[in-house]
Amino acid sequence: MVSLFAEYAKNYEEYLVRDPVCRMHIHPEYAADLDFYKGRILYFCSFPCKEKFVADPEKYFLEIPVKGNENKQSSE
Protein backbone atom coordinates (compact mmCIF):
# COMPACT_ATOMS: atom_id res chain seq x y z
CA MET A 1 0.00 0.00 0.00
CA VAL A 2 1.32 3.41 -0.96
CA SER A 3 1.30 5.94 1.85
CA LEU A 4 -0.48 9.25 1.42
CA PHE A 5 2.84 11.05 1.86
CA ALA A 6 4.47 9.03 -0.93
CA GLU A 7 1.55 9.74 -3.24
CA TYR A 8 1.67 13.46 -2.37
CA ALA A 9 5.43 13.59 -2.97
CA LYS A 10 5.03 11.95 -6.37
CA ASN A 11 2.34 14.43 -7.40
CA TYR A 12 4.31 17.34 -5.97
CA GLU A 13 7.33 16.54 -8.13
CA GLU A 14 5.18 16.49 -11.26
CA TYR A 15 4.45 20.19 -10.79
CA LEU A 16 8.00 21.38 -10.12
CA VAL A 17 9.42 24.01 -12.45
CA ARG A 18 12.96 25.28 -12.86
CA ASP A 19 14.26 28.75 -12.10
CA PRO A 20 15.93 29.81 -15.39
CA VAL A 21 18.78 31.59 -13.59
CA CYS A 22 19.98 29.31 -10.79
CA ARG A 23 18.29 26.18 -12.24
CA MET A 24 16.75 25.25 -8.87
CA HIS A 25 13.53 23.21 -8.96
CA ILE A 26 10.64 24.96 -7.21
CA HIS A 27 6.90 24.52 -6.91
CA PRO A 28 5.11 27.38 -8.73
CA GLU A 29 2.97 28.04 -5.67
CA TYR A 30 6.07 28.90 -3.64
CA ALA A 31 7.95 30.92 -6.27
CA ALA A 32 9.22 34.31 -5.13
CA ASP A 33 8.19 35.88 -8.44
CA LEU A 34 7.25 35.07 -12.01
CA ASP A 35 7.51 36.67 -15.42
CA PHE A 36 6.06 36.13 -18.87
CA TYR A 37 8.61 35.91 -21.65
CA LYS A 38 8.08 34.81 -25.25
CA GLY A 39 4.82 33.08 -24.43
CA ARG A 40 6.12 31.18 -21.42
CA ILE A 41 5.67 31.63 -17.71
CA LEU A 42 8.98 31.65 -15.88
CA TYR A 43 9.16 31.13 -12.12
CA PHE A 44 11.94 32.44 -9.89
CA CYS A 45 13.13 31.15 -6.54
CA SER A 46 14.22 34.62 -5.40
CA PHE A 47 14.07 38.27 -6.36
CA PRO A 48 17.84 38.39 -7.16
CA CYS A 49 17.30 35.62 -9.74
CA LYS A 50 14.44 37.60 -11.27
CA GLU A 51 16.64 40.74 -11.41
CA LYS A 52 19.41 38.81 -13.18
CA PHE A 53 16.91 37.48 -15.70
CA VAL A 54 15.43 40.92 -16.40
CA ALA A 55 18.94 42.33 -16.94
CA ASP A 56 19.76 39.77 -19.66
CA PRO A 57 16.76 37.54 -20.49
CA GLU A 58 18.20 35.95 -23.63
CA LYS A 59 21.22 34.65 -21.70
CA TYR A 60 18.96 32.61 -19.44
CA PHE A 61 16.02 31.95 -21.76
CA LEU A 62 18.16 30.06 -24.27
CA GLU A 63 19.28 27.70 -21.50
CA ILE A 64 15.76 26.68 -20.45
CA PRO A 65 15.15 23.05 -21.40
CA VAL A 66 12.10 22.30 -23.49
CA LYS A 67 10.74 19.12 -21.95
CA GLY A 68 7.20 18.16 -21.17
CA ASN A 69 5.32 21.14 -19.84
CA GLU A 70 8.16 22.57 -17.80
CA ASN A 71 7.62 26.31 -17.32
CA LYS A 72 5.14 26.51 -20.20
CA GLN A 73 2.16 28.77 -20.11
CA SER A 74 -1.09 26.86 -20.05
CA SER A 75 -3.13 27.06 -23.24
CA GLU A 76 -6.38 26.69 -21.28
C-alpha atoms as a PDB file:
ATOM      1  CA  MET A   1       0.000   0.000   0.000  1.00  0.00           C
ATOM      2  CA  VAL A   2       1.315   3.407  -0.960  1.00  0.00           C
ATOM      3  CA  SER A   3       1.296   5.935   1.846  1.00  0.00           C
ATOM      4  CA  LEU A   4      -0.482   9.246   1.424  1.00  0.00           C
ATOM      5  CA  PHE A   5       2.836  11.053   1.856  1.00  0.00           C
ATOM      6  CA  ALA A   6       4.470   9.033  -0.933  1.00  0.00           C
ATOM      7  CA  GLU A   7       1.551   9.745  -3.242  1.00  0.00           C
ATOM      8  CA  TYR A   8       1.673  13.458  -2.369  1.00  0.00           C
ATOM      9  CA  ALA A   9       5.431  13.588  -2.971  1.00  0.00           C
ATOM     10  CA  LYS A  10       5.033  11.947  -6.372  1.00  0.00           C
ATOM     11  CA  ASN A  11       2.336  14.426  -7.398  1.00  0.00           C
ATOM     12  CA  TYR A  12       4.308  17.342  -5.966  1.00  0.00           C
ATOM     13  CA  GLU A  13       7.332  16.536  -8.132  1.00  0.00           C
ATOM     14  CA  GLU A  14       5.179  16.493 -11.265  1.00  0.00           C
ATOM     15  CA  TYR A  15       4.454  20.187 -10.788  1.00  0.00           C
ATOM     16  CA  LEU A  16       8.000  21.382 -10.123  1.00  0.00           C
ATOM     17  CA  VAL A  17       9.417  24.007 -12.454  1.00  0.00           C
ATOM     18  CA  ARG A  18      12.963  25.282 -12.865  1.00  0.00           C
ATOM     19  CA  ASP A  19      14.258  28.753 -12.098  1.00  0.00           C
ATOM     20  CA  PRO A  20      15.927  29.813 -15.386  1.00  0.00           C
ATOM     21  CA  VAL A  21      18.781  31.593 -13.594  1.00  0.00           C
ATOM     22  CA  CYS A  22      19.977  29.312 -10.792  1.00  0.00           C
ATOM     23  CA  ARG A  23      18.287  26.178 -12.241  1.00  0.00           C
ATOM     24  CA  MET A  24      16.745  25.253  -8.874  1.00  0.00           C
ATOM     25  CA  HIS A  25      13.530  23.212  -8.959  1.00  0.00           C
ATOM     26  CA  ILE A  26      10.645  24.956  -7.214  1.00  0.00           C
ATOM     27  CA  HIS A  27       6.904  24.522  -6.912  1.00  0.00           C
ATOM     28  CA  PRO A  28       5.114  27.377  -8.728  1.00  0.00           C
ATOM     29  CA  GLU A  29       2.974  28.040  -5.669  1.00  0.00           C
ATOM     30  CA  TYR A  30       6.071  28.897  -3.641  1.00  0.00           C
ATOM     31  CA  ALA A  31       7.950  30.915  -6.269  1.00  0.00           C
ATOM     32  CA  ALA A  32       9.220  34.310  -5.129  1.00  0.00           C
ATOM     33  CA  ASP A  33       8.193  35.884  -8.441  1.00  0.00           C
ATOM     34  CA  LEU A  34       7.252  35.071 -12.007  1.00  0.00           C
ATOM     35  CA  ASP A  35       7.509  36.670 -15.416  1.00  0.00           C
ATOM     36  CA  PHE A  36       6.059  36.126 -18.871  1.00  0.00           C
ATOM     37  CA  TYR A  37       8.612  35.913 -21.650  1.00  0.00           C
ATOM     38  CA  LYS A  38       8.078  34.815 -25.252  1.00  0.00           C
ATOM     39  CA  GLY A  39       4.815  33.081 -24.428  1.00  0.00           C
ATOM     40  CA  ARG A  40       6.120  31.184 -21.423  1.00  0.00           C
ATOM     41  CA  ILE A  41       5.671  31.628 -17.706  1.00  0.00           C
ATOM     42  CA  LEU A  42       8.982  31.655 -15.877  1.00  0.00           C
ATOM     43  CA  TYR A  43       9.163  31.129 -12.118  1.00  0.00           C
ATOM     44  CA  PHE A  44      11.944  32.438  -9.892  1.00  0.00           C
ATOM     45  CA  CYS A  45      13.129  31.146  -6.536  1.00  0.00           C
ATOM     46  CA  SER A  46      14.216  34.622  -5.400  1.00  0.00           C
ATOM     47  CA  PHE A  47      14.073  38.271  -6.364  1.00  0.00           C
ATOM     48  CA  PRO A  48      17.842  38.391  -7.157  1.00  0.00           C
ATOM     49  CA  CYS A  49      17.303  35.620  -9.737  1.00  0.00           C
ATOM     50  CA  LYS A  50      14.437  37.604 -11.267  1.00  0.00           C
ATOM     51  CA  GLU A  51      16.645  40.735 -11.407  1.00  0.00           C
ATOM     52  CA  LYS A  52      19.410  38.807 -13.184  1.00  0.00           C
ATOM     53  CA  PHE A  53      16.908  37.478 -15.700  1.00  0.00           C
ATOM     54  CA  VAL A  54      15.433  40.920 -16.400  1.00  0.00           C
ATOM     55  CA  ALA A  55      18.941  42.327 -16.942  1.00  0.00           C
ATOM     56  CA  ASP A  56      19.756  39.766 -19.664  1.00  0.00           C
ATOM     57  CA  PRO A  57      16.762  37.543 -20.489  1.00  0.00           C
ATOM     58  CA  GLU A  58      18.204  35.948 -23.628  1.00  0.00           C
ATOM     59  CA  LYS A  59      21.216  34.648 -21.704  1.00  0.00           C
ATOM     60  CA  TYR A  60      18.957  32.609 -19.444  1.00  0.00           C
ATOM     61  CA  PHE A  61      16.023  31.951 -21.759  1.00  0.00           C
ATOM     62  CA  LEU A  62      18.164  30.058 -24.268  1.00  0.00           C
ATOM     63  CA  GLU A  63      19.278  27.696 -21.498  1.00  0.00           C
ATOM     64  CA  ILE A  64      15.758  26.681 -20.450  1.00  0.00           C
ATOM     65  CA  PRO A  65      15.150  23.049 -21.399  1.00  0.00           C
ATOM     66  CA  VAL A  66      12.100  22.296 -23.491  1.00  0.00           C
ATOM     67  CA  LYS A  67      10.744  19.124 -21.953  1.00  0.00           C
ATOM     68  CA  GLY A  68       7.204  18.157 -21.170  1.00  0.00           C
ATOM     69  CA  ASN A  69       5.317  21.139 -19.839  1.00  0.00           C
ATOM     70  CA  GLU A  70       8.162  22.574 -17.797  1.00  0.00           C
ATOM     71  CA  ASN A  71       7.616  26.308 -17.319  1.00  0.00           C
ATOM     72  CA  LYS A  72       5.144  26.508 -20.198  1.00  0.00           C
ATOM     73  CA  GLN A  73       2.158  28.770 -20.108  1.00  0.00           C
ATOM     74  CA  SER A  74      -1.086  26.863 -20.050  1.00  0.00           C
ATOM     75  CA  SER A  75      -3.134  27.061 -23.236  1.00  0.00           C
ATOM     76  CA  GLU A  76      -6.379  26.689 -21.278  1.00  0.00           C
END
